[in-house]
PDB file of all heavy atoms in Angstrom:
ATOM      1  N   GLU A   1       0.817  -1.228   0.003  1.00  0.00           N
ATOM      2  CA  GLU A   1      -0.011  -0.012  -0.011  1.00  0.00           C
ATOM      3  C   GLU A   1       0.833   1.275   0.000  1.00  0.00           C
ATOM      4  O   GLU A   1       0.347   2.398  -0.209  1.00  0.00           O
ATOM      5  CB  GLU A   1      -1.030  -0.031   1.198  1.00  0.00           C
ATOM      6  CG  GLU A   1      -0.368  -0.050   2.542  1.00  0.00           C
ATOM      7  CD  GLU A   1      -0.165  -1.499   3.102  1.00  0.00           C
ATOM      8  OE1 GLU A   1      -0.305  -2.441   2.298  1.00  0.00           O
ATOM      9  OE2 GLU A   1       0.143  -1.634   4.277  1.00  0.00           O
ATOM     10  N   LEU A   2       2.124   1.148   0.256  1.00  0.00           N
ATOM     11  CA  LEU A   2       3.046   2.323   0.232  1.00  0.00           C
ATOM     12  C   LEU A   2       3.974   2.344  -1.004  1.00  0.00           C
ATOM     13  O   LEU A   2       4.887   3.121  -1.075  1.00  0.00           O
ATOM     14  CB  LEU A   2       3.905   2.342   1.501  1.00  0.00           C
ATOM     15  CG  LEU A   2       3.143   2.503   2.834  1.00  0.00           C
ATOM     16  CD1 LEU A   2       4.081   2.477   4.018  1.00  0.00           C
ATOM     17  CD2 LEU A   2       2.288   3.790   2.819  1.00  0.00           C
ATOM     18  N   ARG A   3       3.689   1.479  -1.998  1.00  0.00           N
ATOM     19  CA  ARG A   3       4.512   1.336  -3.139  1.00  0.00           C
ATOM     20  C   ARG A   3       4.006   2.035  -4.402  1.00  0.00           C
ATOM     21  O   ARG A   3       4.378   1.739  -5.499  1.00  0.00           O
ATOM     22  CB  ARG A   3       4.811  -0.123  -3.416  1.00  0.00           C
ATOM     23  CG  ARG A   3       5.535  -0.816  -2.238  1.00  0.00           C
ATOM     24  CD  ARG A   3       5.604  -2.289  -2.424  1.00  0.00           C
ATOM     25  NE  ARG A   3       6.708  -2.748  -3.291  1.00  0.00           N
ATOM     26  CZ  ARG A   3       7.923  -3.088  -2.827  1.00  0.00           C
ATOM     27  NH1 ARG A   3       8.224  -3.029  -1.570  1.00  0.00           N
ATOM     28  NH2 ARG A   3       8.826  -3.444  -3.735  1.00  0.00           N
ATOM     29  N   GLU A   4       3.091   2.979  -4.156  1.00  0.00           N
ATOM     30  CA  GLU A   4       2.455   3.750  -5.294  1.00  0.00           C
ATOM     31  C   GLU A   4       3.564   4.381  -6.145  1.00  0.00           C
ATOM     32  O   GLU A   4       4.556   4.971  -5.672  1.00  0.00           O
ATOM     33  CB  GLU A   4       1.532   4.832  -4.713  1.00  0.00           C
ATOM     34  CG  GLU A   4       0.918   5.647  -5.824  1.00  0.00           C
ATOM     35  CD  GLU A   4       0.129   6.813  -5.304  1.00  0.00           C
ATOM     36  OE1 GLU A   4       0.162   7.111  -4.058  1.00  0.00           O
ATOM     37  OE2 GLU A   4      -0.554   7.480  -6.054  1.00  0.00           O
ATOM     38  N   ALA A   5       3.402   4.278  -7.430  1.00  0.00           N
ATOM     39  CA  ALA A   5       4.372   4.895  -8.368  1.00  0.00           C
ATOM     40  C   ALA A   5       3.634   5.261  -9.687  1.00  0.00           C
ATOM     41  O   ALA A   5       2.530   4.805  -9.906  1.00  0.00           O
ATOM     42  CB  ALA A   5       5.473   3.857  -8.732  1.00  0.00           C
ATOM     43  N   TRP A   6       4.269   6.052 -10.452  1.00  0.00           N
ATOM     44  CA  TRP A   6       3.686   6.452 -11.779  1.00  0.00           C
ATOM     45  C   TRP A   6       4.840   6.767 -12.712  1.00  0.00           C
ATOM     46  O   TRP A   6       5.907   7.239 -12.310  1.00  0.00           O
ATOM     47  CB  TRP A   6       2.724   7.600 -11.570  1.00  0.00           C
ATOM     48  CG  TRP A   6       3.313   8.801 -10.860  1.00  0.00           C
ATOM     49  CD1 TRP A   6       3.958   9.886 -11.399  1.00  0.00           C
ATOM     50  CD2 TRP A   6       3.316   8.977  -9.470  1.00  0.00           C
ATOM     51  NE1 TRP A   6       4.313  10.720 -10.380  1.00  0.00           N
ATOM     52  CE2 TRP A   6       3.982  10.210  -9.234  1.00  0.00           C
ATOM     53  CE3 TRP A   6       2.829   8.254  -8.385  1.00  0.00           C
ATOM     54  CZ2 TRP A   6       4.151  10.679  -7.918  1.00  0.00           C
ATOM     55  CZ3 TRP A   6       3.018   8.736  -7.124  1.00  0.00           C
ATOM     56  CH2 TRP A   6       3.660   9.932  -6.856  1.00  0.00           C
ATOM     57  N   PHE A   7       4.564   6.475 -13.924  1.00  0.00           N
ATOM     58  CA  PHE A   7       5.469   6.830 -15.016  1.00  0.00           C
ATOM     59  C   PHE A   7       4.970   8.222 -15.534  1.00  0.00           C
ATOM     60  O   PHE A   7       3.784   8.485 -15.597  1.00  0.00           O
ATOM     61  CB  PHE A   7       5.428   5.846 -16.187  1.00  0.00           C
ATOM     62  CG  PHE A   7       6.393   4.676 -16.059  1.00  0.00           C
ATOM     63  CD1 PHE A   7       5.904   3.369 -16.054  1.00  0.00           C
ATOM     64  CD2 PHE A   7       7.729   4.880 -15.969  1.00  0.00           C
ATOM     65  CE1 PHE A   7       6.781   2.321 -16.014  1.00  0.00           C
ATOM     66  CE2 PHE A   7       8.619   3.803 -15.842  1.00  0.00           C
ATOM     67  CZ  PHE A   7       8.139   2.502 -15.863  1.00  0.00           C
ATOM     68  N   VAL A   8       5.916   9.029 -15.875  1.00  0.00           N
ATOM     69  CA  VAL A   8       5.636  10.358 -16.460  1.00  0.00           C
ATOM     70  C   VAL A   8       6.317  10.440 -17.821  1.00  0.00           C
ATOM     71  O   VAL A   8       7.472  10.022 -17.993  1.00  0.00           O
ATOM     72  CB  VAL A   8       6.121  11.500 -15.556  1.00  0.00           C
ATOM     73  CG1 VAL A   8       5.996  12.863 -16.236  1.00  0.00           C
ATOM     74  CG2 VAL A   8       5.520  11.431 -14.202  1.00  0.00           C
ATOM     75  N   CYS A   9       5.657  11.041 -18.797  1.00  0.00           N
ATOM     76  CA  CYS A   9       6.246  11.339 -20.071  1.00  0.00           C
ATOM     77  C   CYS A   9       5.843  12.710 -20.482  1.00  0.00           C
ATOM     78  O   CYS A   9       4.651  13.005 -20.616  1.00  0.00           O
ATOM     79  CB  CYS A   9       5.769  10.291 -21.141  1.00  0.00           C
ATOM     80  SG  CYS A   9       6.402  10.694 -22.808  1.00  0.00           S
ATOM     81  N   ALA A  10       6.855  13.596 -20.722  1.00  0.00           N
ATOM     82  CA  ALA A  10       6.583  14.913 -21.279  1.00  0.00           C
ATOM     83  C   ALA A  10       7.118  14.946 -22.708  1.00  0.00           C
ATOM     84  O   ALA A  10       8.231  14.431 -22.955  1.00  0.00           O
ATOM     85  CB  ALA A  10       7.331  15.962 -20.454  1.00  0.00           C
ATOM     86  N   ILE A  11       6.326  15.406 -23.606  1.00  0.00           N
ATOM     87  CA  ILE A  11       6.720  15.504 -24.998  1.00  0.00           C
ATOM     88  C   ILE A  11       6.702  16.931 -25.454  1.00  0.00           C
ATOM     89  O   ILE A  11       5.756  17.629 -25.200  1.00  0.00           O
ATOM     90  CB  ILE A  11       5.761  14.634 -25.919  1.00  0.00           C
ATOM     91  CG1 ILE A  11       5.927  13.134 -25.586  1.00  0.00           C
ATOM     92  CG2 ILE A  11       6.120  14.898 -27.428  1.00  0.00           C
ATOM     93  CD1 ILE A  11       5.064  12.259 -26.368  1.00  0.00           C
ATOM     94  N   CYS A  12       7.844  17.330 -26.044  1.00  0.00           N
ATOM     95  CA  CYS A  12       7.884  18.671 -26.637  1.00  0.00           C
ATOM     96  C   CYS A  12       7.805  18.462 -28.144  1.00  0.00           C
ATOM     97  O   CYS A  12       8.508  17.627 -28.761  1.00  0.00           O
ATOM     98  CB  CYS A  12       9.186  19.309 -26.239  1.00  0.00           C
ATOM     99  SG  CYS A  12       9.403  20.947 -27.023  1.00  0.00           S
ATOM    100  N   TYR A  13       6.939  19.260 -28.804  1.00  0.00           N
ATOM    101  CA  TYR A  13       6.802  19.278 -30.249  1.00  0.00           C
ATOM    102  C   TYR A  13       7.159  20.613 -30.742  1.00  0.00           C
ATOM    103  O   TYR A  13       6.723  21.641 -30.197  1.00  0.00           O
ATOM    104  CB  TYR A  13       5.351  18.905 -30.635  1.00  0.00           C
ATOM    105  CG  TYR A  13       5.044  19.171 -32.033  1.00  0.00           C
ATOM    106  CD1 TYR A  13       5.573  18.393 -33.077  1.00  0.00           C
ATOM    107  CD2 TYR A  13       4.148  20.181 -32.475  1.00  0.00           C
ATOM    108  CE1 TYR A  13       5.298  18.609 -34.428  1.00  0.00           C
ATOM    109  CE2 TYR A  13       3.893  20.439 -33.773  1.00  0.00           C
ATOM    110  CZ  TYR A  13       4.438  19.648 -34.723  1.00  0.00           C
ATOM    111  OH  TYR A  13       4.166  19.893 -36.066  1.00  0.00           O
ATOM    112  N   ILE A  14       8.002  20.673 -31.794  1.00  0.00           N
ATOM    113  CA  ILE A  14       8.272  21.921 -32.473  1.00  0.00           C
ATOM    114  C   ILE A  14       7.881  21.755 -33.918  1.00  0.00           C
ATOM    115  O   ILE A  14       8.365  20.822 -34.612  1.00  0.00           O
ATOM    116  CB  ILE A  14       9.773  22.238 -32.337  1.00  0.00           C
ATOM    117  CG1 ILE A  14      10.204  22.358 -30.855  1.00  0.00           C
ATOM    118  CG2 ILE A  14      10.093  23.536 -33.099  1.00  0.00           C
ATOM    119  CD1 ILE A  14      11.648  22.632 -30.655  1.00  0.00           C
ATOM    120  N   ASN A  15       7.018  22.638 -34.373  1.00  0.00           N
ATOM    121  CA  ASN A  15       6.552  22.510 -35.779  1.00  0.00           C
ATOM    122  C   ASN A  15       7.527  23.172 -36.700  1.00  0.00           C
ATOM    123  O   ASN A  15       8.582  23.726 -36.305  1.00  0.00           O
ATOM    124  CB  ASN A  15       5.137  23.105 -35.948  1.00  0.00           C
ATOM    125  CG  ASN A  15       5.063  24.581 -35.788  1.00  0.00           C
ATOM    126  OD1 ASN A  15       6.037  25.268 -35.881  1.00  0.00           O
ATOM    127  ND2 ASN A  15       3.862  25.111 -35.526  1.00  0.00           N
ATOM    128  N   SER A  16       7.243  23.151 -38.015  1.00  0.00           N
ATOM    129  CA  SER A  16       8.173  23.650 -39.016  1.00  0.00           C
ATOM    130  C   SER A  16       8.431  25.115 -38.924  1.00  0.00           C
ATOM    131  O   SER A  16       9.451  25.620 -39.421  1.00  0.00           O
ATOM    132  CB  SER A  16       7.722  23.279 -40.401  1.00  0.00           C
ATOM    133  OG  SER A  16       6.408  23.781 -40.593  1.00  0.00           O
ATOM    134  N   ASP A  17       7.568  25.834 -38.191  1.00  0.00           N
ATOM    135  CA  ASP A  17       7.718  27.286 -38.004  1.00  0.00           C
ATOM    136  C   ASP A  17       8.461  27.585 -36.731  1.00  0.00           C
ATOM    137  O   ASP A  17       8.669  28.755 -36.388  1.00  0.00           O
ATOM    138  CB  ASP A  17       6.346  27.975 -37.982  1.00  0.00           C
ATOM    139  CG  ASP A  17       5.646  27.893 -39.314  1.00  0.00           C
ATOM    140  OD1 ASP A  17       6.363  27.906 -40.356  1.00  0.00           O
ATOM    141  OD2 ASP A  17       4.369  27.822 -39.307  1.00  0.00           O
ATOM    142  N   GLY A  18       8.812  26.534 -35.962  1.00  0.00           N
ATOM    143  CA  GLY A  18       9.557  26.792 -34.723  1.00  0.00           C
ATOM    144  C   GLY A  18       8.689  26.967 -33.521  1.00  0.00           C
ATOM    145  O   GLY A  18       9.209  27.287 -32.423  1.00  0.00           O
ATOM    146  N   GLU A  19       7.385  26.818 -33.632  1.00  0.00           N
ATOM    147  CA  GLU A  19       6.508  26.949 -32.489  1.00  0.00           C
ATOM    148  C   GLU A  19       6.629  25.760 -31.613  1.00  0.00           C
ATOM    149  O   GLU A  19       6.668  24.626 -32.056  1.00  0.00           O
ATOM    150  CB  GLU A  19       4.993  27.097 -32.945  1.00  0.00           C
ATOM    151  CG  GLU A  19       4.741  28.340 -33.752  1.00  0.00           C
ATOM    152  CD  GLU A  19       3.305  28.344 -34.304  1.00  0.00           C
ATOM    153  OE1 GLU A  19       2.403  28.382 -33.453  1.00  0.00           O
ATOM    154  OE2 GLU A  19       3.149  28.245 -35.541  1.00  0.00           O
ATOM    155  N   VAL A  20       6.590  26.002 -30.272  1.00  0.00           N
ATOM    156  CA  VAL A  20       6.886  24.923 -29.296  1.00  0.00           C
ATOM    157  C   VAL A  20       5.571  24.624 -28.499  1.00  0.00           C
ATOM    158  O   VAL A  20       4.930  25.549 -28.051  1.00  0.00           O
ATOM    159  CB  VAL A  20       7.958  25.360 -28.333  1.00  0.00           C
ATOM    160  CG1 VAL A  20       8.184  24.303 -27.235  1.00  0.00           C
ATOM    161  CG2 VAL A  20       9.275  25.650 -29.066  1.00  0.00           C
ATOM    162  N   LYS A  21       5.269  23.332 -28.371  1.00  0.00           N
ATOM    163  CA  LYS A  21       4.146  22.893 -27.546  1.00  0.00           C
ATOM    164  C   LYS A  21       4.599  21.709 -26.740  1.00  0.00           C
ATOM    165  O   LYS A  21       5.404  20.873 -27.212  1.00  0.00           O
ATOM    166  CB  LYS A  21       2.973  22.512 -28.421  1.00  0.00           C
ATOM    167  CG  LYS A  21       2.369  23.583 -29.253  1.00  0.00           C
ATOM    168  CD  LYS A  21       1.067  23.150 -29.906  1.00  0.00           C
ATOM    169  CE  LYS A  21       0.506  24.109 -30.872  1.00  0.00           C
ATOM    170  NZ  LYS A  21       0.324  25.477 -30.456  1.00  0.00           N
ATOM    171  N   THR A  22       4.152  21.612 -25.483  1.00  0.00           N
ATOM    172  CA  THR A  22       4.494  20.430 -24.687  1.00  0.00           C
ATOM    173  C   THR A  22       3.209  19.807 -24.145  1.00  0.00           C
ATOM    174  O   THR A  22       2.197  20.523 -23.892  1.00  0.00           O
ATOM    175  CB  THR A  22       5.393  20.851 -23.477  1.00  0.00           C
ATOM    176  OG1 THR A  22       4.768  21.781 -22.677  1.00  0.00           O
ATOM    177  CG2 THR A  22       6.754  21.305 -23.898  1.00  0.00           C
ATOM    178  N   VAL A  23       3.252  18.485 -23.996  1.00  0.00           N
ATOM    179  CA  VAL A  23       2.146  17.710 -23.397  1.00  0.00           C
ATOM    180  C   VAL A  23       2.717  16.728 -22.371  1.00  0.00           C
ATOM    181  O   VAL A  23       3.917  16.423 -22.448  1.00  0.00           O
ATOM    182  CB  VAL A  23       1.325  16.953 -24.513  1.00  0.00           C
ATOM    183  CG1 VAL A  23       0.597  17.901 -25.405  1.00  0.00           C
ATOM    184  CG2 VAL A  23       2.192  16.037 -25.248  1.00  0.00           C
ATOM    185  N   ARG A  24       1.881  16.270 -21.470  1.00  0.00           N
ATOM    186  CA  ARG A  24       2.347  15.352 -20.468  1.00  0.00           C
ATOM    187  C   ARG A  24       1.348  14.217 -20.377  1.00  0.00           C
ATOM    188  O   ARG A  24       0.156  14.426 -20.320  1.00  0.00           O
ATOM    189  CB  ARG A  24       2.464  16.063 -19.124  1.00  0.00           C
ATOM    190  CG  ARG A  24       2.833  15.134 -17.987  1.00  0.00           C
ATOM    191  CD  ARG A  24       2.823  15.864 -16.628  1.00  0.00           C
ATOM    192  NE  ARG A  24       4.173  16.424 -16.393  1.00  0.00           N
ATOM    193  CZ  ARG A  24       4.881  16.174 -15.317  1.00  0.00           C
ATOM    194  NH1 ARG A  24       4.397  15.442 -14.343  1.00  0.00           N
ATOM    195  NH2 ARG A  24       6.086  16.754 -15.167  1.00  0.00           N
ATOM    196  N   GLY A  25       1.878  12.997 -20.265  1.00  0.00           N
ATOM    197  CA  GLY A  25       1.070  11.823 -20.011  1.00  0.00           C
ATOM    198  C   GLY A  25       1.613  11.067 -18.803  1.00  0.00           C
ATOM    199  O   GLY A  25       2.848  11.130 -18.501  1.00  0.00           O
ATOM    200  N   THR A  26       0.737  10.392 -18.091  1.00  0.00           N
ATOM    201  CA  THR A  26       1.141   9.635 -16.904  1.00  0.00           C
ATOM    202  C   THR A  26       0.441   8.240 -16.967  1.00  0.00           C
ATOM    203  O   THR A  26      -0.535   8.087 -17.649  1.00  0.00           O
ATOM    204  CB  THR A  26       0.771  10.282 -15.555  1.00  0.00           C
ATOM    205  OG1 THR A  26      -0.574  10.499 -15.506  1.00  0.00           O
ATOM    206  CG2 THR A  26       1.520  11.637 -15.416  1.00  0.00           C
ATOM    207  N   CYS A  27       0.999   7.308 -16.176  1.00  0.00           N
ATOM    208  CA  CYS A  27       0.330   6.051 -15.968  1.00  0.00           C
ATOM    209  C   CYS A  27       0.615   5.656 -14.523  1.00  0.00           C
ATOM    210  O   CYS A  27       1.772   5.589 -14.114  1.00  0.00           O
ATOM    211  CB  CYS A  27       0.869   4.969 -16.918  1.00  0.00           C
ATOM    212  SG  CYS A  27       0.054   3.367 -16.674  1.00  0.00           S
ATOM    213  N   GLU A  28      -0.479   5.442 -13.726  1.00  0.00           N
ATOM    214  CA  GLU A  28      -0.285   5.131 -12.348  1.00  0.00           C
ATOM    215  C   GLU A  28      -0.288   3.647 -12.069  1.00  0.00           C
ATOM    216  O   GLU A  28      -1.024   2.914 -12.742  1.00  0.00           O
ATOM    217  CB  GLU A  28      -1.398   5.798 -11.511  1.00  0.00           C
ATOM    218  CG  GLU A  28      -1.317   7.282 -11.597  1.00  0.00           C
ATOM    219  CD  GLU A  28      -2.441   7.966 -10.765  1.00  0.00           C
ATOM    220  OE1 GLU A  28      -3.128   7.313 -10.004  1.00  0.00           O
ATOM    221  OE2 GLU A  28      -2.553   9.212 -10.969  1.00  0.00           O
ATOM    222  N   GLY A  29       0.530   3.198 -11.142  1.00  0.00           N
ATOM    223  CA  GLY A  29       0.635   1.790 -10.768  1.00  0.00           C
ATOM    224  C   GLY A  29       1.306   1.666  -9.461  1.00  0.00           C
ATOM    225  O   GLY A  29       1.185   2.570  -8.599  1.00  0.00           O
ATOM    226  N   TYR A  30       2.054   0.662  -9.285  1.00  0.00           N
ATOM    227  CA  TYR A  30       2.843   0.494  -8.024  1.00  0.00           C
ATOM    228  C   TYR A  30       4.072  -0.351  -8.336  1.00  0.00           C
ATOM    229  O   TYR A  30       4.181  -0.997  -9.433  1.00  0.00           O
ATOM    230  CB  TYR A  30       1.984  -0.151  -6.948  1.00  0.00           C
ATOM    231  CG  TYR A  30       1.534  -1.613  -7.253  1.00  0.00           C
ATOM    232  CD1 TYR A  30       2.223  -2.700  -6.833  1.00  0.00           C
ATOM    233  CD2 TYR A  30       0.408  -1.787  -7.995  1.00  0.00           C
ATOM    234  CE1 TYR A  30       1.812  -3.991  -7.108  1.00  0.00           C
ATOM    235  CE2 TYR A  30      -0.085  -3.054  -8.285  1.00  0.00           C
ATOM    236  CZ  TYR A  30       0.690  -4.131  -7.858  1.00  0.00           C
ATOM    237  OH  TYR A  30       0.210  -5.409  -8.123  1.00  0.00           O
ATOM    238  N   ILE A  31       5.026  -0.294  -7.448  1.00  0.00           N
ATOM    239  CA  ILE A  31       6.246  -1.110  -7.590  1.00  0.00           C
ATOM    240  C   ILE A  31       6.027  -2.464  -7.025  1.00  0.00           C
ATOM    241  O   ILE A  31       5.672  -2.631  -5.886  1.00  0.00           O
ATOM    242  CB  ILE A  31       7.504  -0.347  -6.927  1.00  0.00           C
ATOM    243  CG1 ILE A  31       7.667   1.015  -7.511  1.00  0.00           C
ATOM    244  CG2 ILE A  31       8.742  -1.167  -7.073  1.00  0.00           C
ATOM    245  CD1 ILE A  31       7.900   1.087  -9.010  1.00  0.00           C
ATOM    246  N   GLY A  32       6.362  -3.486  -7.829  1.00  0.00           N
ATOM    247  CA  GLY A  32       6.244  -4.855  -7.381  1.00  0.00           C
ATOM    248  C   GLY A  32       7.368  -5.214  -6.453  1.00  0.00           C
ATOM    249  O   GLY A  32       8.161  -4.399  -6.012  1.00  0.00           O
TER     250      GLY A  32
END
């Protein structure tokens, strides 16, 4: 019950004009 964990992924996208956008995704679980 104290082994809670999550993966994090941040993605930066730069388009052909040099504009920058970032997004974040997570997935929650626990450590075995």
